[in-house]
Amino acid sequence: MVENFVRMEKWIFDSPDVPGETFRQFVNDCYKKNLLIQSKMELGGKRVDLKKITMPVLNSTACSTILFHQRPANS
């Protein structure tokens, strides 16, 4: 049980640090103002238009996830 907790903790924190102001801007633009879906968000001085994405995008959501399947000790 503890091993699963440690694995999950390591997975959750396995990402680069994001500077505070960058995170605040992301939350403000994407969640509070909803600029991305309105095609009003800018990245690198260019407006992002989701309708212009020409490559496949995988977006998955779930109610629950099993990240690690453990085999019984005798197998």
PDB file of N, CA and C in Angstrom:
ATOM      1  N   MET A   1       0.811  -1.189   0.000  1.00  0.00           N
ATOM      2  CA  MET A   1       0.000   0.000   0.000  1.00  0.00           C
ATOM      3  C   MET A   1       0.865   1.267   0.000  1.00  0.00           C
ATOM      4  N   VAL A   2       1.889   1.290   0.833  1.00  0.00           N
ATOM      5  CA  VAL A   2       2.784   2.443   0.900  1.00  0.00           C
ATOM      6  C   VAL A   2       3.530   2.612  -0.421  1.00  0.00           C
ATOM      7  N   GLU A   3       3.888   1.491  -1.040  1.00  0.00           N
ATOM      8  CA  GLU A   3       4.609   1.554  -2.311  1.00  0.00           C
ATOM      9  C   GLU A   3       3.767   2.260  -3.375  1.00  0.00           C
ATOM     10  N   ASN A   4       2.473   1.956  -3.422  1.00  0.00           N
ATOM     11  CA  ASN A   4       1.584   2.619  -4.387  1.00  0.00           C
ATOM     12  C   ASN A   4       1.500   4.116  -4.119  1.00  0.00           C
ATOM     13  N   PHE A   5       1.421   4.495  -2.841  1.00  0.00           N
ATOM     14  CA  PHE A   5       1.376   5.909  -2.485  1.00  0.00           C
ATOM     15  C   PHE A   5       2.637   6.617  -2.964  1.00  0.00           C
ATOM     16  N   VAL A   6       3.798   6.018  -2.714  1.00  0.00           N
ATOM     17  CA  VAL A   6       5.068   6.621  -3.118  1.00  0.00           C
ATOM     18  C   VAL A   6       5.143   6.734  -4.636  1.00  0.00           C
ATOM     19  N   ARG A   7       4.704   5.709  -5.355  1.00  0.00           N
ATOM     20  CA  ARG A   7       4.682   5.771  -6.824  1.00  0.00           C
ATOM     21  C   ARG A   7       3.812   6.918  -7.317  1.00  0.00           C
ATOM     22  N   MET A   8       2.625   7.057  -6.728  1.00  0.00           N
ATOM     23  CA  MET A   8       1.705   8.114  -7.128  1.00  0.00           C
ATOM     24  C   MET A   8       2.296   9.496  -6.838  1.00  0.00           C
ATOM     25  N   GLU A   9       2.899   9.656  -5.678  1.00  0.00           N
ATOM     26  CA  GLU A   9       3.524  10.925  -5.326  1.00  0.00           C
ATOM     27  C   GLU A   9       4.636  11.277  -6.317  1.00  0.00           C
ATOM     28  N   LYS A  10       5.442  10.297  -6.669  1.00  0.00           N
ATOM     29  CA  LYS A  10       6.534  10.536  -7.618  1.00  0.00           C
ATOM     30  C   LYS A  10       5.969  10.927  -8.985  1.00  0.00           C
ATOM     31  N   TRP A  11       4.911  10.261  -9.419  1.00  0.00           N
ATOM     32  CA  TRP A  11       4.297  10.550 -10.718  1.00  0.00           C
ATOM     33  C   TRP A  11       3.691  11.950 -10.733  1.00  0.00           C
ATOM     34  N   ILE A  12       2.999  12.331  -9.664  1.00  0.00           N
ATOM     35  CA  ILE A  12       2.352  13.636  -9.604  1.00  0.00           C
ATOM     36  C   ILE A  12       3.377  14.767  -9.697  1.00  0.00           C
ATOM     37  N   PHE A  13       4.517  14.588  -9.024  1.00  0.00           N
ATOM     38  CA  PHE A  13       5.508  15.660  -8.970  1.00  0.00           C
ATOM     39  C   PHE A  13       6.605  15.514 -10.020  1.00  0.00           C
ATOM     40  N   ASP A  14       6.426  14.631 -10.995  1.00  0.00           N
ATOM     41  CA  ASP A  14       7.420  14.422 -12.048  1.00  0.00           C
ATOM     42  C   ASP A  14       7.153  15.372 -13.211  1.00  0.00           C
ATOM     43  N   SER A  15       7.315  16.649 -12.970  1.00  0.00           N
ATOM     44  CA  SER A  15       7.141  17.657 -14.013  1.00  0.00           C
ATOM     45  C   SER A  15       8.010  18.854 -13.668  1.00  0.00           C
ATOM     46  N   PRO A  16       8.362  19.635 -14.682  1.00  0.00           N
ATOM     47  CA  PRO A  16       9.200  20.805 -14.389  1.00  0.00           C
ATOM     48  C   PRO A  16       8.422  21.835 -13.567  1.00  0.00           C
ATOM     49  N   ASP A  17       9.144  22.579 -12.759  1.00  0.00           N
ATOM     50  CA  ASP A  17       8.527  23.648 -11.993  1.00  0.00           C
ATOM     51  C   ASP A  17       8.009  24.738 -12.938  1.00  0.00           C
ATOM     52  N   VAL A  18       6.896  25.322 -12.594  1.00  0.00           N
ATOM     53  CA  VAL A  18       6.316  26.410 -13.382  1.00  0.00           C
ATOM     54  C   VAL A  18       6.395  27.672 -12.529  1.00  0.00           C
ATOM     55  N   PRO A  19       7.025  28.730 -13.050  1.00  0.00           N
ATOM     56  CA  PRO A  19       7.089  29.975 -12.280  1.00  0.00           C
ATOM     57  C   PRO A  19       5.690  30.473 -11.917  1.00  0.00           C
ATOM     58  N   GLY A  20       5.568  31.068 -10.743  1.00  0.00           N
ATOM     59  CA  GLY A  20       4.274  31.506 -10.229  1.00  0.00           C
ATOM     60  C   GLY A  20       3.488  32.382 -11.176  1.00  0.00           C
ATOM     61  N   GLU A  21       4.133  33.369 -11.783  1.00  0.00           N
ATOM     62  CA  GLU A  21       3.410  34.286 -12.668  1.00  0.00           C
ATOM     63  C   GLU A  21       2.914  33.565 -13.921  1.00  0.00           C
ATOM     64  N   THR A  22       3.703  32.619 -14.432  1.00  0.00           N
ATOM     65  CA  THR A  22       3.275  31.837 -15.593  1.00  0.00           C
ATOM     66  C   THR A  22       2.035  31.021 -15.258  1.00  0.00           C
ATOM     67  N   PHE A  23       2.034  30.401 -14.094  1.00  0.00           N
ATOM     68  CA  PHE A  23       0.876  29.616 -13.670  1.00  0.00           C
ATOM     69  C   PHE A  23      -0.344  30.512 -13.472  1.00  0.00           C
ATOM     70  N   ARG A  24      -0.153  31.678 -12.841  1.00  0.00           N
ATOM     71  CA  ARG A  24      -1.268  32.605 -12.638  1.00  0.00           C
ATOM     72  C   ARG A  24      -1.868  33.045 -13.973  1.00  0.00           C
ATOM     73  N   GLN A  25      -1.002  33.335 -14.959  1.00  0.00           N
ATOM     74  CA  GLN A  25      -1.496  33.757 -16.270  1.00  0.00           C
ATOM     75  C   GLN A  25      -2.256  32.622 -16.946  1.00  0.00           C
ATOM     76  N   PHE A  26      -1.734  31.393 -16.852  1.00  0.00           N
ATOM     77  CA  PHE A  26      -2.411  30.235 -17.435  1.00  0.00           C
ATOM     78  C   PHE A  26      -3.804  30.056 -16.837  1.00  0.00           C
ATOM     79  N   VAL A  27      -3.893  30.101 -15.503  1.00  0.00           N
ATOM     80  CA  VAL A  27      -5.187  29.946 -14.831  1.00  0.00           C
ATOM     81  C   VAL A  27      -6.132  31.073 -15.215  1.00  0.00           C
ATOM     82  N   ASN A  28      -5.624  32.287 -15.228  1.00  0.00           N
ATOM     83  CA  ASN A  28      -6.451  33.439 -15.578  1.00  0.00           C
ATOM     84  C   ASN A  28      -6.964  33.351 -17.016  1.00  0.00           C
ATOM     85  N   ASP A  29      -6.053  33.057 -17.959  1.00  0.00           N
ATOM     86  CA  ASP A  29      -6.430  33.015 -19.382  1.00  0.00           C
ATOM     87  C   ASP A  29      -7.326  31.822 -19.712  1.00  0.00           C
ATOM     88  N   CYS A  30      -6.983  30.646 -19.185  1.00  0.00           N
ATOM     89  CA  CYS A  30      -7.705  29.426 -19.583  1.00  0.00           C
ATOM     90  C   CYS A  30      -8.954  29.155 -18.760  1.00  0.00           C
ATOM     91  N   TYR A  31      -8.917  29.479 -17.488  1.00  0.00           N
ATOM     92  CA  TYR A  31     -10.043  29.127 -16.619  1.00  0.00           C
ATOM     93  C   TYR A  31     -10.951  30.311 -16.311  1.00  0.00           C
ATOM     94  N   LYS A  32     -10.376  31.436 -15.929  1.00  0.00           N
ATOM     95  CA  LYS A  32     -11.208  32.574 -15.556  1.00  0.00           C
ATOM     96  C   LYS A  32     -11.800  33.281 -16.774  1.00  0.00           C
ATOM     97  N   LYS A  33     -10.953  33.567 -17.765  1.00  0.00           N
ATOM     98  CA  LYS A  33     -11.417  34.298 -18.945  1.00  0.00           C
ATOM     99  C   LYS A  33     -11.836  33.381 -20.087  1.00  0.00           C
ATOM    100  N   ASN A  34     -11.440  32.099 -20.037  1.00  0.00           N
ATOM    101  CA  ASN A  34     -11.788  31.118 -21.068  1.00  0.00           C
ATOM    102  C   ASN A  34     -11.331  31.566 -22.461  1.00  0.00           C
ATOM    103  N   LEU A  35     -10.141  32.157 -22.539  1.00  0.00           N
ATOM    104  CA  LEU A  35      -9.652  32.709 -23.796  1.00  0.00           C
ATOM    105  C   LEU A  35      -9.339  31.650 -24.846  1.00  0.00           C
ATOM    106  N   LEU A  36      -8.868  30.480 -24.430  1.00  0.00           N
ATOM    107  CA  LEU A  36      -8.483  29.453 -25.392  1.00  0.00           C
ATOM    108  C   LEU A  36      -9.660  29.021 -26.252  1.00  0.00           C
ATOM    109  N   ILE A  37     -10.780  28.720 -25.638  1.00  0.00           N
ATOM    110  CA  ILE A  37     -11.939  28.239 -26.387  1.00  0.00           C
ATOM    111  C   ILE A  37     -12.562  29.347 -27.235  1.00  0.00           C
ATOM    112  N   GLN A  38     -12.316  30.602 -26.871  1.00  0.00           N
ATOM    113  CA  GLN A  38     -12.843  31.734 -27.632  1.00  0.00           C
ATOM    114  C   GLN A  38     -11.902  32.183 -28.751  1.00  0.00           C
ATOM    115  N   SER A  39     -10.780  31.487 -28.918  1.00  0.00           N
ATOM    116  CA  SER A  39      -9.738  31.848 -29.894  1.00  0.00           C
ATOM    117  C   SER A  39      -9.187  33.250 -29.647  1.00  0.00           C
ATOM    118  N   LYS A  40      -9.058  33.621 -28.370  1.00  0.00           N
ATOM    119  CA  LYS A  40      -8.520  34.927 -28.006  1.00  0.00           C
ATOM    120  C   LYS A  40      -7.205  34.814 -27.237  1.00  0.00           C
ATOM    121  N   MET A  41      -6.738  33.594 -27.013  1.00  0.00           N
ATOM    122  CA  MET A  41      -5.498  33.387 -26.261  1.00  0.00           C
ATOM    123  C   MET A  41      -4.301  33.544 -27.194  1.00  0.00           C
ATOM    124  N   GLU A  42      -3.238  34.168 -26.679  1.00  0.00           N
ATOM    125  CA  GLU A  42      -2.028  34.353 -27.476  1.00  0.00           C
ATOM    126  C   GLU A  42      -0.856  33.615 -26.851  1.00  0.00           C
ATOM    127  N   LEU A  43      -0.077  32.959 -27.698  1.00  0.00           N
ATOM    128  CA  LEU A  43       1.171  32.291 -27.298  1.00  0.00           C
ATOM    129  C   LEU A  43       2.254  32.737 -28.259  1.00  0.00           C
ATOM    130  N   GLY A  44       3.325  33.254 -27.736  1.00  0.00           N
ATOM    131  CA  GLY A  44       4.420  33.708 -28.584  1.00  0.00           C
ATOM    132  C   GLY A  44       4.001  34.794 -29.554  1.00  0.00           C
ATOM    133  N   GLY A  45       3.059  35.622 -29.151  1.00  0.00           N
ATOM    134  CA  GLY A  45       2.598  36.721 -30.001  1.00  0.00           C
ATOM    135  C   GLY A  45       1.612  36.316 -31.080  1.00  0.00           C
ATOM    136  N   LYS A  46       1.205  35.058 -31.090  1.00  0.00           N
ATOM    137  CA  LYS A  46       0.245  34.587 -32.098  1.00  0.00           C
ATOM    138  C   LYS A  46      -1.026  34.116 -31.412  1.00  0.00           C
ATOM    139  N   ARG A  47      -2.147  34.404 -32.014  1.00  0.00           N
ATOM    140  CA  ARG A  47      -3.436  33.989 -31.477  1.00  0.00           C
ATOM    141  C   ARG A  47      -3.641  32.497 -31.737  1.00  0.00           C
ATOM    142  N   VAL A  48      -4.098  31.780 -30.732  1.00  0.00           N
ATOM    143  CA  VAL A  48      -4.342  30.342 -30.838  1.00  0.00           C
ATOM    144  C   VAL A  48      -5.765  30.124 -31.338  1.00  0.00           C
ATOM    145  N   ASP A  49      -5.896  29.380 -32.432  1.00  0.00           N
ATOM    146  CA  ASP A  49      -7.210  29.054 -32.983  1.00  0.00           C
ATOM    147  C   ASP A  49      -7.331  27.535 -33.025  1.00  0.00           C
ATOM    148  N   LEU A  50      -8.137  26.973 -32.136  1.00  0.00           N
ATOM    149  CA  LEU A  50      -8.274  25.521 -32.055  1.00  0.00           C
ATOM    150  C   LEU A  50      -8.809  24.912 -33.344  1.00  0.00           C
ATOM    151  N   LYS A  51      -9.545  25.664 -34.133  1.00  0.00           N
ATOM    152  CA  LYS A  51     -10.092  25.157 -35.395  1.00  0.00           C
ATOM    153  C   LYS A  51      -9.006  24.924 -36.435  1.00  0.00           C
ATOM    154  N   LYS A  52      -7.843  25.522 -36.246  1.00  0.00           N
ATOM    155  CA  LYS A  52      -6.749  25.386 -37.216  1.00  0.00           C
ATOM    156  C   LYS A  52      -5.807  24.232 -36.895  1.00  0.00           C
ATOM    157  N   ILE A  53      -6.078  23.488 -35.846  1.00  0.00           N
ATOM    158  CA  ILE A  53      -5.235  22.333 -35.518  1.00  0.00           C
ATOM    159  C   ILE A  53      -5.505  21.254 -36.559  1.00  0.00           C
ATOM    160  N   THR A  54      -4.457  20.814 -37.236  1.00  0.00           N
ATOM    161  CA  THR A  54      -4.617  19.859 -38.339  1.00  0.00           C
ATOM    162  C   THR A  54      -4.107  18.463 -38.003  1.00  0.00           C
ATOM    163  N   MET A  55      -3.586  18.278 -36.806  1.00  0.00           N
ATOM    164  CA  MET A  55      -3.085  16.964 -36.432  1.00  0.00           C
ATOM    165  C   MET A  55      -4.028  16.322 -35.426  1.00  0.00           C
ATOM    166  N   PRO A  56      -4.003  15.004 -35.336  1.00  0.00           N
ATOM    167  CA  PRO A  56      -4.856  14.336 -34.367  1.00  0.00           C
ATOM    168  C   PRO A  56      -4.482  14.738 -32.938  1.00  0.00           C
ATOM    169  N   VAL A  57      -5.470  14.870 -32.094  1.00  0.00           N
ATOM    170  CA  VAL A  57      -5.257  15.205 -30.693  1.00  0.00           C
ATOM    171  C   VAL A  57      -5.970  14.157 -29.848  1.00  0.00           C
ATOM    172  N   LEU A  58      -5.252  13.582 -28.896  1.00  0.00           N
ATOM    173  CA  LEU A  58      -5.859  12.624 -27.981  1.00  0.00           C
ATOM    174  C   LEU A  58      -6.182  13.343 -26.680  1.00  0.00           C
ATOM    175  N   ASN A  59      -7.426  13.324 -26.318  1.00  0.00           N
ATOM    176  CA  ASN A  59      -7.873  13.927 -25.065  1.00  0.00           C
ATOM    177  C   ASN A  59      -8.656  12.857 -24.324  1.00  0.00           C
ATOM    178  N   SER A  60      -8.166  12.461 -23.174  1.00  0.00           N
ATOM    179  CA  SER A  60      -8.871  11.416 -22.438  1.00  0.00           C
ATOM    180  C   SER A  60      -9.177  11.889 -21.027  1.00  0.00           C
ATOM    181  N   THR A  61     -10.311  11.486 -20.550  1.00  0.00           N
ATOM    182  CA  THR A  61     -10.710  11.791 -19.181  1.00  0.00           C
ATOM    183  C   THR A  61     -11.254  10.516 -18.558  1.00  0.00           C
ATOM    184  N   ALA A  62     -11.248  10.476 -17.249  1.00  0.00           N
ATOM    185  CA  ALA A  62     -11.738   9.281 -16.565  1.00  0.00           C
ATOM    186  C   ALA A  62     -12.263   9.648 -15.191  1.00  0.00           C
ATOM    187  N   CYS A  63     -13.143   8.817 -14.704  1.00  0.00           N
ATOM    188  CA  CYS A  63     -13.640   8.990 -13.332  1.00  0.00           C
ATOM    189  C   CYS A  63     -12.665   8.391 -12.333  1.00  0.00           C
ATOM    190  N   SER A  64     -11.994   7.317 -12.741  1.00  0.00           N
ATOM    191  CA  SER A  64     -10.984   6.716 -11.885  1.00  0.00           C
ATOM    192  C   SER A  64      -9.931   6.065 -12.775  1.00  0.00           C
ATOM    193  N   THR A  65      -8.756   5.901 -12.223  1.00  0.00           N
ATOM    194  CA  THR A  65      -7.640   5.365 -12.993  1.00  0.00           C
ATOM    195  C   THR A  65      -6.843   4.404 -12.129  1.00  0.00           C
ATOM    196  N   ILE A  66      -6.460   3.282 -12.699  1.00  0.00           N
ATOM    197  CA  ILE A  66      -5.535   2.379 -12.034  1.00  0.00           C
ATOM    198  C   ILE A  66      -4.193   2.577 -12.722  1.00  0.00           C
ATOM    199  N   LEU A  67      -3.242   3.153 -12.015  1.00  0.00           N
ATOM    200  CA  LEU A  67      -1.952   3.468 -12.617  1.00  0.00           C
ATOM    201  C   LEU A  67      -0.970   2.314 -12.553  1.00  0.00           C
ATOM    202  N   PHE A  68      -1.060   1.521 -11.517  1.00  0.00           N
ATOM    203  CA  PHE A  68      -0.098   0.445 -11.331  1.00  0.00           C
ATOM    204  C   PHE A  68      -0.846  -0.845 -11.020  1.00  0.00           C
ATOM    205  N   HIS A  69      -0.646  -1.824 -11.877  1.00  0.00           N
ATOM    206  CA  HIS A  69      -1.239  -3.132 -11.615  1.00  0.00           C
ATOM    207  C   HIS A  69      -0.166  -3.996 -10.959  1.00  0.00           C
ATOM    208  N   GLN A  70      -0.468  -4.523  -9.811  1.00  0.00           N
ATOM    209  CA  GLN A  70       0.498  -5.365  -9.120  1.00  0.00           C
ATOM    210  C   GLN A  70       0.067  -6.815  -9.228  1.00  0.00           C
ATOM    211  N   ARG A  71       1.036  -7.650  -9.533  1.00  0.00           N
ATOM    212  CA  ARG A  71       0.787  -9.093  -9.587  1.00  0.00           C
ATOM    213  C   ARG A  71       0.876  -9.649  -8.175  1.00  0.00           C
ATOM    214  N   PRO A  72       0.147 -10.714  -7.929  1.00  0.00           N
ATOM    215  CA  PRO A  72       0.294 -11.388  -6.624  1.00  0.00           C
ATOM    216  C   PRO A  72       1.737 -11.824  -6.429  1.00  0.00           C
ATOM    217  N   ALA A  73       2.197 -11.871  -5.200  1.00  0.00           N
ATOM    218  CA  ALA A  73       3.593 -12.191  -4.885  1.00  0.00           C
ATOM    219  C   ALA A  73       4.040 -13.539  -5.411  1.00  0.00           C
ATOM    220  N   ASN A  74       3.129 -14.516  -5.576  1.00  0.00           N
ATOM    221  CA  ASN A  74       3.498 -15.867  -5.996  1.00  0.00           C
ATOM    222  C   ASN A  74       3.439 -16.078  -7.492  1.00  0.00           C
ATOM    223  N   SER A  75       3.210 -15.052  -8.279  1.00  0.00           N
ATOM    224  CA  SER A  75       3.088 -15.295  -9.734  1.00  0.00           C
ATOM    225  C   SER A  75       4.371 -15.030 -10.477  1.00  0.00           C
TER     226      SER A  75
END
